[in-house]
Amino acid sequence: MEHKEKHFSLSWFFKWFLDNKAITVFLVTLLLGLNIFILSKISFIFLPVLDFLGVVMLPVILSGLLYYLLNPIVDWMEKHKINRILAISIL
């Protein structure tokens, strides 16, 4: 196993491409740009999914935000001997 790792690190591909940070950054940027280009060409496939997420995500985000904002108040009311269901109903 160690022989294969040593052979890989001595290969011309490793020396010229993978060991060079500038070329690695360039290749990653090139692949990212290629992915964005291809996804922009087939964006019509994702439009129904984006529409669905646009409709569904707003209530989910708002409910999560309200939960985190109102939970300390409900905990405080529960600490002062108010039933949790009643505290939620009051708010």
PDB file of N, CA and C in Angstrom:
ATOM      1  N   MET A   1       0.821  -1.193   0.000  1.00  0.00           N
ATOM      2  CA  MET A   1       0.000   0.000   0.000  1.00  0.00           C
ATOM      3  C   MET A   1       0.865   1.256   0.000  1.00  0.00           C
ATOM      4  N   GLU A   2       1.913   1.210   0.790  1.00  0.00           N
ATOM      5  CA  GLU A   2       2.806   2.352   0.879  1.00  0.00           C
ATOM      6  C   GLU A   2       3.521   2.591  -0.450  1.00  0.00           C
ATOM      7  N   HIS A   3       3.792   1.512  -1.167  1.00  0.00           N
ATOM      8  CA  HIS A   3       4.452   1.625  -2.464  1.00  0.00           C
ATOM      9  C   HIS A   3       3.556   2.380  -3.448  1.00  0.00           C
ATOM     10  N   LYS A   4       2.252   2.124  -3.429  1.00  0.00           N
ATOM     11  CA  LYS A   4       1.331   2.828  -4.339  1.00  0.00           C
ATOM     12  C   LYS A   4       1.256   4.309  -4.007  1.00  0.00           C
ATOM     13  N   GLU A   5       1.224   4.651  -2.709  1.00  0.00           N
ATOM     14  CA  GLU A   5       1.190   6.053  -2.314  1.00  0.00           C
ATOM     15  C   GLU A   5       2.458   6.766  -2.746  1.00  0.00           C
ATOM     16  N   LYS A   6       3.579   6.114  -2.596  1.00  0.00           N
ATOM     17  CA  LYS A   6       4.848   6.702  -2.999  1.00  0.00           C
ATOM     18  C   LYS A   6       4.892   6.868  -4.517  1.00  0.00           C
ATOM     19  N   HIS A   7       4.391   5.876  -5.230  1.00  0.00           N
ATOM     20  CA  HIS A   7       4.366   5.945  -6.691  1.00  0.00           C
ATOM     21  C   HIS A   7       3.438   7.063  -7.152  1.00  0.00           C
ATOM     22  N   PHE A   8       2.309   7.233  -6.460  1.00  0.00           N
ATOM     23  CA  PHE A   8       1.372   8.290  -6.826  1.00  0.00           C
ATOM     24  C   PHE A   8       1.985   9.663  -6.597  1.00  0.00           C
ATOM     25  N   SER A   9       2.686   9.857  -5.493  1.00  0.00           N
ATOM     26  CA  SER A   9       3.272  11.158  -5.208  1.00  0.00           C
ATOM     27  C   SER A   9       4.444  11.480  -6.136  1.00  0.00           C
ATOM     28  N   LEU A  10       4.993  10.484  -6.795  1.00  0.00           N
ATOM     29  CA  LEU A  10       6.091  10.723  -7.729  1.00  0.00           C
ATOM     30  C   LEU A  10       5.621  10.835  -9.180  1.00  0.00           C
ATOM     31  N   SER A  11       4.322  10.689  -9.412  1.00  0.00           N
ATOM     32  CA  SER A  11       3.835  10.719 -10.794  1.00  0.00           C
ATOM     33  C   SER A  11       3.870  12.142 -11.339  1.00  0.00           C
ATOM     34  N   TRP A  12       3.899  12.256 -12.652  1.00  0.00           N
ATOM     35  CA  TRP A  12       3.948  13.567 -13.292  1.00  0.00           C
ATOM     36  C   TRP A  12       2.660  14.345 -13.059  1.00  0.00           C
ATOM     37  N   PHE A  13       1.524  13.663 -12.966  1.00  0.00           N
ATOM     38  CA  PHE A  13       0.256  14.342 -12.735  1.00  0.00           C
ATOM     39  C   PHE A  13       0.246  15.009 -11.361  1.00  0.00           C
ATOM     40  N   PHE A  14       0.738  14.314 -10.369  1.00  0.00           N
ATOM     41  CA  PHE A  14       0.798  14.883  -9.023  1.00  0.00           C
ATOM     42  C   PHE A  14       1.750  16.065  -8.984  1.00  0.00           C
ATOM     43  N   LYS A  15       2.920  15.923  -9.596  1.00  0.00           N
ATOM     44  CA  LYS A  15       3.917  16.991  -9.544  1.00  0.00           C
ATOM     45  C   LYS A  15       3.449  18.253 -10.265  1.00  0.00           C
ATOM     46  N   TRP A  16       2.812  18.102 -11.419  1.00  0.00           N
ATOM     47  CA  TRP A  16       2.453  19.258 -12.222  1.00  0.00           C
ATOM     48  C   TRP A  16       1.106  19.868 -11.857  1.00  0.00           C
ATOM     49  N   PHE A  17       0.167  19.049 -11.406  1.00  0.00           N
ATOM     50  CA  PHE A  17      -1.182  19.562 -11.177  1.00  0.00           C
ATOM     51  C   PHE A  17      -1.588  19.593  -9.705  1.00  0.00           C
ATOM     52  N   LEU A  18      -1.521  18.483  -9.016  1.00  0.00           N
ATOM     53  CA  LEU A  18      -2.049  18.413  -7.660  1.00  0.00           C
ATOM     54  C   LEU A  18      -1.142  19.050  -6.629  1.00  0.00           C
ATOM     55  N   ASP A  19       0.121  19.101  -6.876  1.00  0.00           N
ATOM     56  CA  ASP A  19       1.050  19.697  -5.930  1.00  0.00           C
ATOM     57  C   ASP A  19       1.132  21.211  -6.093  1.00  0.00           C
ATOM     58  N   ASN A  20       0.639  21.734  -7.192  1.00  0.00           N
ATOM     59  CA  ASN A  20       0.683  23.159  -7.467  1.00  0.00           C
ATOM     60  C   ASN A  20      -0.641  23.791  -7.025  1.00  0.00           C
ATOM     61  N   LYS A  21      -0.599  24.663  -6.014  1.00  0.00           N
ATOM     62  CA  LYS A  21      -1.827  25.248  -5.461  1.00  0.00           C
ATOM     63  C   LYS A  21      -2.524  26.161  -6.459  1.00  0.00           C
ATOM     64  N   ALA A  22      -1.792  26.885  -7.257  1.00  0.00           N
ATOM     65  CA  ALA A  22      -2.405  27.797  -8.214  1.00  0.00           C
ATOM     66  C   ALA A  22      -3.212  27.023  -9.250  1.00  0.00           C
ATOM     67  N   ILE A  23      -2.659  25.943  -9.744  1.00  0.00           N
ATOM     68  CA  ILE A  23      -3.372  25.138 -10.737  1.00  0.00           C
ATOM     69  C   ILE A  23      -4.562  24.433 -10.093  1.00  0.00           C
ATOM     70  N   THR A  24      -4.421  23.996  -8.845  1.00  0.00           N
ATOM     71  CA  THR A  24      -5.538  23.362  -8.157  1.00  0.00           C
ATOM     72  C   THR A  24      -6.682  24.357  -7.971  1.00  0.00           C
ATOM     73  N   VAL A  25      -6.381  25.584  -7.567  1.00  0.00           N
ATOM     74  CA  VAL A  25      -7.412  26.617  -7.422  1.00  0.00           C
ATOM     75  C   VAL A  25      -8.053  26.912  -8.776  1.00  0.00           C
ATOM     76  N   PHE A  26      -7.239  26.980  -9.814  1.00  0.00           N
ATOM     77  CA  PHE A  26      -7.771  27.214 -11.156  1.00  0.00           C
ATOM     78  C   PHE A  26      -8.704  26.087 -11.588  1.00  0.00           C
ATOM     79  N   LEU A  27      -8.316  24.835 -11.336  1.00  0.00           N
ATOM     80  CA  LEU A  27      -9.154  23.701 -11.725  1.00  0.00           C
ATOM     81  C   LEU A  27     -10.466  23.674 -10.944  1.00  0.00           C
ATOM     82  N   VAL A  28     -10.419  23.970  -9.665  1.00  0.00           N
ATOM     83  CA  VAL A  28     -11.643  24.015  -8.859  1.00  0.00           C
ATOM     84  C   VAL A  28     -12.551  25.138  -9.349  1.00  0.00           C
ATOM     85  N   THR A  29     -11.983  26.299  -9.650  1.00  0.00           N
ATOM     86  CA  THR A  29     -12.766  27.420 -10.173  1.00  0.00           C
ATOM     87  C   THR A  29     -13.366  27.074 -11.526  1.00  0.00           C
ATOM     88  N   LEU A  30     -12.593  26.428 -12.365  1.00  0.00           N
ATOM     89  CA  LEU A  30     -13.079  26.015 -13.679  1.00  0.00           C
ATOM     90  C   LEU A  30     -14.228  25.025 -13.560  1.00  0.00           C
ATOM     91  N   LEU A  31     -14.102  24.048 -12.676  1.00  0.00           N
ATOM     92  CA  LEU A  31     -15.174  23.074 -12.486  1.00  0.00           C
ATOM     93  C   LEU A  31     -16.420  23.716 -11.879  1.00  0.00           C
ATOM     94  N   LEU A  32     -16.240  24.642 -10.955  1.00  0.00           N
ATOM     95  CA  LEU A  32     -17.377  25.352 -10.379  1.00  0.00           C
ATOM     96  C   LEU A  32     -18.090  26.183 -11.445  1.00  0.00           C
ATOM     97  N   GLY A  33     -17.326  26.878 -12.270  1.00  0.00           N
ATOM     98  CA  GLY A  33     -17.915  27.650 -13.359  1.00  0.00           C
ATOM     99  C   GLY A  33     -18.635  26.768 -14.361  1.00  0.00           C
ATOM    100  N   LEU A  34     -18.066  25.610 -14.656  1.00  0.00           N
ATOM    101  CA  LEU A  34     -18.712  24.667 -15.565  1.00  0.00           C
ATOM    102  C   LEU A  34     -20.026  24.162 -14.983  1.00  0.00           C
ATOM    103  N   ASN A  35     -20.054  23.877 -13.693  1.00  0.00           N
ATOM    104  CA  ASN A  35     -21.297  23.445 -13.050  1.00  0.00           C
ATOM    105  C   ASN A  35     -22.354  24.535 -13.107  1.00  0.00           C
ATOM    106  N   ILE A  36     -21.972  25.772 -12.841  1.00  0.00           N
ATOM    107  CA  ILE A  36     -22.923  26.885 -12.894  1.00  0.00           C
ATOM    108  C   ILE A  36     -23.442  27.068 -14.315  1.00  0.00           C
ATOM    109  N   PHE A  37     -22.569  26.961 -15.299  1.00  0.00           N
ATOM    110  CA  PHE A  37     -22.981  27.102 -16.692  1.00  0.00           C
ATOM    111  C   PHE A  37     -23.980  26.015 -17.090  1.00  0.00           C
ATOM    112  N   ILE A  38     -23.683  24.772 -16.737  1.00  0.00           N
ATOM    113  CA  ILE A  38     -24.576  23.665 -17.095  1.00  0.00           C
ATOM    114  C   ILE A  38     -25.910  23.795 -16.370  1.00  0.00           C
ATOM    115  N   LEU A  39     -25.879  24.157 -15.101  1.00  0.00           N
ATOM    116  CA  LEU A  39     -27.134  24.319 -14.360  1.00  0.00           C
ATOM    117  C   LEU A  39     -27.954  25.485 -14.886  1.00  0.00           C
ATOM    118  N   SER A  40     -27.315  26.511 -15.419  1.00  0.00           N
ATOM    119  CA  SER A  40     -28.082  27.619 -15.994  1.00  0.00           C
ATOM    120  C   SER A  40     -28.742  27.203 -17.312  1.00  0.00           C
ATOM    121  N   LYS A  41     -28.143  26.250 -18.015  1.00  0.00           N
ATOM    122  CA  LYS A  41     -28.733  25.777 -19.266  1.00  0.00           C
ATOM    123  C   LYS A  41     -29.934  24.859 -19.047  1.00  0.00           C
ATOM    124  N   ILE A  42     -29.973  24.181 -17.889  1.00  0.00           N
ATOM    125  CA  ILE A  42     -31.096  23.288 -17.611  1.00  0.00           C
ATOM    126  C   ILE A  42     -31.941  23.809 -16.449  1.00  0.00           C
ATOM    127  N   SER A  43     -31.965  25.124 -16.280  1.00  0.00           N
ATOM    128  CA  SER A  43     -32.683  25.710 -15.151  1.00  0.00           C
ATOM    129  C   SER A  43     -34.190  25.485 -15.229  1.00  0.00           C
ATOM    130  N   PHE A  44     -34.720  25.260 -16.428  1.00  0.00           N
ATOM    131  CA  PHE A  44     -36.155  25.032 -16.566  1.00  0.00           C
ATOM    132  C   PHE A  44     -36.607  23.780 -15.820  1.00  0.00           C
ATOM    133  N   ILE A  45     -35.700  22.863 -15.571  1.00  0.00           N
ATOM    134  CA  ILE A  45     -36.036  21.652 -14.819  1.00  0.00           C
ATOM    135  C   ILE A  45     -36.267  21.989 -13.354  1.00  0.00           C
ATOM    136  N   PHE A  46     -35.524  22.956 -12.837  1.00  0.00           N
ATOM    137  CA  PHE A  46     -35.577  23.276 -11.416  1.00  0.00           C
ATOM    138  C   PHE A  46     -36.616  24.340 -11.073  1.00  0.00           C
ATOM    139  N   LEU A  47     -37.224  24.987 -12.049  1.00  0.00           N
ATOM    140  CA  LEU A  47     -38.186  26.044 -11.756  1.00  0.00           C
ATOM    141  C   LEU A  47     -39.380  25.560 -10.937  1.00  0.00           C
ATOM    142  N   PRO A  48     -39.994  24.407 -11.233  1.00  0.00           N
ATOM    143  CA  PRO A  48     -41.098  23.959 -10.366  1.00  0.00           C
ATOM    144  C   PRO A  48     -40.647  23.681  -8.933  1.00  0.00           C
ATOM    145  N   VAL A  49     -39.451  23.165  -8.777  1.00  0.00           N
ATOM    146  CA  VAL A  49     -38.934  22.900  -7.426  1.00  0.00           C
ATOM    147  C   VAL A  49     -38.722  24.221  -6.691  1.00  0.00           C
ATOM    148  N   LEU A  50     -38.167  25.214  -7.363  1.00  0.00           N
ATOM    149  CA  LEU A  50     -37.940  26.513  -6.735  1.00  0.00           C
ATOM    150  C   LEU A  50     -39.256  27.198  -6.387  1.00  0.00           C
ATOM    151  N   ASP A  51     -40.261  27.075  -7.252  1.00  0.00           N
ATOM    152  CA  ASP A  51     -41.569  27.638  -6.945  1.00  0.00           C
ATOM    153  C   ASP A  51     -42.175  26.978  -5.711  1.00  0.00           C
ATOM    154  N   PHE A  52     -42.071  25.652  -5.638  1.00  0.00           N
ATOM    155  CA  PHE A  52     -42.596  24.925  -4.478  1.00  0.00           C
ATOM    156  C   PHE A  52     -41.872  25.348  -3.200  1.00  0.00           C
ATOM    157  N   LEU A  53     -40.547  25.429  -3.255  1.00  0.00           N
ATOM    158  CA  LEU A  53     -39.778  25.834  -2.085  1.00  0.00           C
ATOM    159  C   LEU A  53     -40.078  27.276  -1.687  1.00  0.00           C
ATOM    160  N   GLY A  54     -40.331  28.128  -2.668  1.00  0.00           N
ATOM    161  CA  GLY A  54     -40.684  29.512  -2.367  1.00  0.00           C
ATOM    162  C   GLY A  54     -41.994  29.622  -1.623  1.00  0.00           C
ATOM    163  N   VAL A  55     -42.925  28.745  -1.937  1.00  0.00           N
ATOM    164  CA  VAL A  55     -44.220  28.757  -1.268  1.00  0.00           C
ATOM    165  C   VAL A  55     -44.122  28.116   0.112  1.00  0.00           C
ATOM    166  N   VAL A  56     -43.382  27.053   0.236  1.00  0.00           N
ATOM    167  CA  VAL A  56     -43.344  26.282   1.479  1.00  0.00           C
ATOM    168  C   VAL A  56     -42.359  26.865   2.490  1.00  0.00           C
ATOM    169  N   MET A  57     -41.242  27.389   2.049  1.00  0.00           N
ATOM    170  CA  MET A  57     -40.180  27.772   2.978  1.00  0.00           C
ATOM    171  C   MET A  57     -40.510  29.009   3.812  1.00  0.00           C
ATOM    172  N   LEU A  58     -41.295  29.941   3.292  1.00  0.00           N
ATOM    173  CA  LEU A  58     -41.621  31.139   4.065  1.00  0.00           C
ATOM    174  C   LEU A  58     -42.368  30.793   5.351  1.00  0.00           C
ATOM    175  N   PRO A  59     -43.433  29.988   5.311  1.00  0.00           N
ATOM    176  CA  PRO A  59     -44.082  29.628   6.583  1.00  0.00           C
ATOM    177  C   PRO A  59     -43.190  28.810   7.510  1.00  0.00           C
ATOM    178  N   VAL A  60     -42.347  27.949   6.962  1.00  0.00           N
ATOM    179  CA  VAL A  60     -41.458  27.143   7.803  1.00  0.00           C
ATOM    180  C   VAL A  60     -40.443  28.041   8.515  1.00  0.00           C
ATOM    181  N   ILE A  61     -39.870  28.986   7.809  1.00  0.00           N
ATOM    182  CA  ILE A  61     -38.889  29.896   8.405  1.00  0.00           C
ATOM    183  C   ILE A  61     -39.556  30.792   9.441  1.00  0.00           C
ATOM    184  N   LEU A  62     -40.731  31.317   9.124  1.00  0.00           N
ATOM    185  CA  LEU A  62     -41.432  32.179  10.076  1.00  0.00           C
ATOM    186  C   LEU A  62     -41.848  31.424  11.332  1.00  0.00           C
ATOM    187  N   SER A  63     -42.313  30.189  11.179  1.00  0.00           N
ATOM    188  CA  SER A  63     -42.704  29.415  12.357  1.00  0.00           C
ATOM    189  C   SER A  63     -41.493  29.075  13.222  1.00  0.00           C
ATOM    190  N   GLY A  64     -40.372  28.751  12.612  1.00  0.00           N
ATOM    191  CA  GLY A  64     -39.156  28.496  13.384  1.00  0.00           C
ATOM    192  C   GLY A  64     -38.681  29.744  14.110  1.00  0.00           C
ATOM    193  N   LEU A  65     -38.764  30.893  13.451  1.00  0.00           N
ATOM    194  CA  LEU A  65     -38.368  32.150  14.074  1.00  0.00           C
ATOM    195  C   LEU A  65     -39.276  32.479  15.255  1.00  0.00           C
ATOM    196  N   LEU A  66     -40.581  32.319  15.071  1.00  0.00           N
ATOM    197  CA  LEU A  66     -41.517  32.582  16.169  1.00  0.00           C
ATOM    198  C   LEU A  66     -41.306  31.618  17.328  1.00  0.00           C
ATOM    199  N   TYR A  67     -41.000  30.373  17.026  1.00  0.00           N
ATOM    200  CA  TYR A  67     -40.732  29.406  18.092  1.00  0.00           C
ATOM    201  C   TYR A  67     -39.554  29.860  18.950  1.00  0.00           C
ATOM    202  N   TYR A  68     -38.455  30.224  18.307  1.00  0.00           N
ATOM    203  CA  TYR A  68     -37.275  30.621  19.070  1.00  0.00           C
ATOM    204  C   TYR A  68     -37.464  31.948  19.794  1.00  0.00           C
ATOM    205  N   LEU A  69     -38.327  32.819  19.273  1.00  0.00           N
ATOM    206  CA  LEU A  69     -38.574  34.084  19.955  1.00  0.00           C
ATOM    207  C   LEU A  69     -39.538  33.926  21.125  1.00  0.00           C
ATOM    208  N   LEU A  70     -40.543  33.060  20.986  1.00  0.00           N
ATOM    209  CA  LEU A  70     -41.577  32.948  22.010  1.00  0.00           C
ATOM    210  C   LEU A  70     -41.312  31.848  23.027  1.00  0.00           C
ATOM    211  N   ASN A  71     -40.423  30.939  22.764  1.00  0.00           N
ATOM    212  CA  ASN A  71     -40.156  29.842  23.695  1.00  0.00           C
ATOM    213  C   ASN A  71     -39.662  30.325  25.059  1.00  0.00           C
ATOM    214  N   PRO A  72     -38.785  31.320  25.166  1.00  0.00           N
ATOM    215  CA  PRO A  72     -38.397  31.795  26.504  1.00  0.00           C
ATOM    216  C   PRO A  72     -39.572  32.387  27.289  1.00  0.00           C
ATOM    217  N   ILE A  73     -40.490  33.043  26.593  1.00  0.00           N
ATOM    218  CA  ILE A  73     -41.662  33.605  27.274  1.00  0.00           C
ATOM    219  C   ILE A  73     -42.551  32.483  27.796  1.00  0.00           C
ATOM    220  N   VAL A  74     -42.735  31.459  27.000  1.00  0.00           N
ATOM    221  CA  VAL A  74     -43.546  30.318  27.427  1.00  0.00           C
ATOM    222  C   VAL A  74     -42.864  29.604  28.592  1.00  0.00           C
ATOM    223  N   ASP A  75     -41.563  29.446  28.547  1.00  0.00           N
ATOM    224  CA  ASP A  75     -40.840  28.824  29.663  1.00  0.00           C
ATOM    225  C   ASP A  75     -40.986  29.648  30.942  1.00  0.00           C
ATOM    226  N   TRP A  76     -40.895  30.970  30.813  1.00  0.00           N
ATOM    227  CA  TRP A  76     -41.064  31.845  31.967  1.00  0.00           C
ATOM    228  C   TRP A  76     -42.464  31.717  32.557  1.00  0.00           C
ATOM    229  N   MET A  77     -43.468  31.684  31.682  1.00  0.00           N
ATOM    230  CA  MET A  77     -44.853  31.526  32.153  1.00  0.00           C
ATOM    231  C   MET A  77     -45.052  30.164  32.810  1.00  0.00           C
ATOM    232  N   GLU A  78     -44.412  29.145  32.276  1.00  0.00           N
ATOM    233  CA  GLU A  78     -44.515  27.808  32.856  1.00  0.00           C
ATOM    234  C   GLU A  78     -43.826  27.768  34.227  1.00  0.00           C
ATOM    235  N   LYS A  79     -42.746  28.494  34.373  1.00  0.00           N
ATOM    236  CA  LYS A  79     -42.045  28.553  35.654  1.00  0.00           C
ATOM    237  C   LYS A  79     -42.923  29.232  36.719  1.00  0.00           C
ATOM    238  N   HIS A  80     -43.786  30.145  36.275  1.00  0.00           N
ATOM    239  CA  HIS A  80     -44.689  30.853  37.194  1.00  0.00           C
ATOM    240  C   HIS A  80     -46.039  30.154  37.306  1.00  0.00           C
ATOM    241  N   LYS A  81     -46.038  28.836  37.154  1.00  0.00           N
ATOM    242  CA  LYS A  81     -47.193  27.965  37.404  1.00  0.00           C
ATOM    243  C   LYS A  81     -48.352  28.163  36.432  1.00  0.00           C
ATOM    244  N   ILE A  82     -48.046  28.527  35.205  1.00  0.00           N
ATOM    245  CA  ILE A  82     -49.069  28.584  34.152  1.00  0.00           C
ATOM    246  C   ILE A  82     -48.842  27.381  33.254  1.00  0.00           C
ATOM    247  N   ASN A  83     -49.924  26.665  32.971  1.00  0.00           N
ATOM    248  CA  ASN A  83     -49.847  25.479  32.121  1.00  0.00           C
ATOM    249  C   ASN A  83     -49.245  25.851  30.757  1.00  0.00           C
ATOM    250  N   ARG A  84     -48.413  24.981  30.195  1.00  0.00           N
ATOM    251  CA  ARG A  84     -47.728  25.271  28.932  1.00  0.00           C
ATOM    252  C   ARG A  84     -48.727  25.484  27.796  1.00  0.00           C
ATOM    253  N   ILE A  85     -49.744  24.660  27.714  1.00  0.00           N
ATOM    254  CA  ILE A  85     -50.746  24.809  26.654  1.00  0.00           C
ATOM    255  C   ILE A  85     -51.492  26.129  26.810  1.00  0.00           C
ATOM    256  N   LEU A  86     -51.797  26.515  28.044  1.00  0.00           N
ATOM    257  CA  LEU A  86     -52.455  27.796  28.287  1.00  0.00           C
ATOM    258  C   LEU A  86     -51.529  28.951  27.934  1.00  0.00           C
ATOM    259  N   ALA A  87     -50.246  28.830  28.260  1.00  0.00           N
ATOM    260  CA  ALA A  87     -49.280  29.886  27.930  1.00  0.00           C
ATOM    261  C   ALA A  87     -49.159  30.056  26.421  1.00  0.00           C
ATOM    262  N   ILE A  88     -49.149  28.952  25.708  1.00  0.00           N
ATOM    263  CA  ILE A  88     -49.080  29.032  24.244  1.00  0.00           C
ATOM    264  C   ILE A  88     -50.347  29.652  23.687  1.00  0.00           C
ATOM    265  N   SER A  89     -51.479  29.292  24.264  1.00  0.00           N
ATOM    266  CA  SER A  89     -52.754  29.850  23.805  1.00  0.00           C
ATOM    267  C   SER A  89     -52.838  31.345  24.080  1.00  0.00           C
ATOM    268  N   ILE A  90     -52.292  31.791  25.200  1.00  0.00           N
ATOM    269  CA  ILE A  90     -52.306  33.217  25.525  1.00  0.00           C
ATOM    270  C   ILE A  90     -51.466  33.995  24.522  1.00  0.00           C
ATOM    271  N   LEU A  91     -50.336  33.451  24.155  1.00  0.00           N
ATOM    272  CA  LEU A  91     -49.472  34.149  23.203  1.00  0.00           C
ATOM    273  C   LEU A  91     -50.048  34.039  21.811  1.00  0.00           C
TER     274      LEU A  91
END
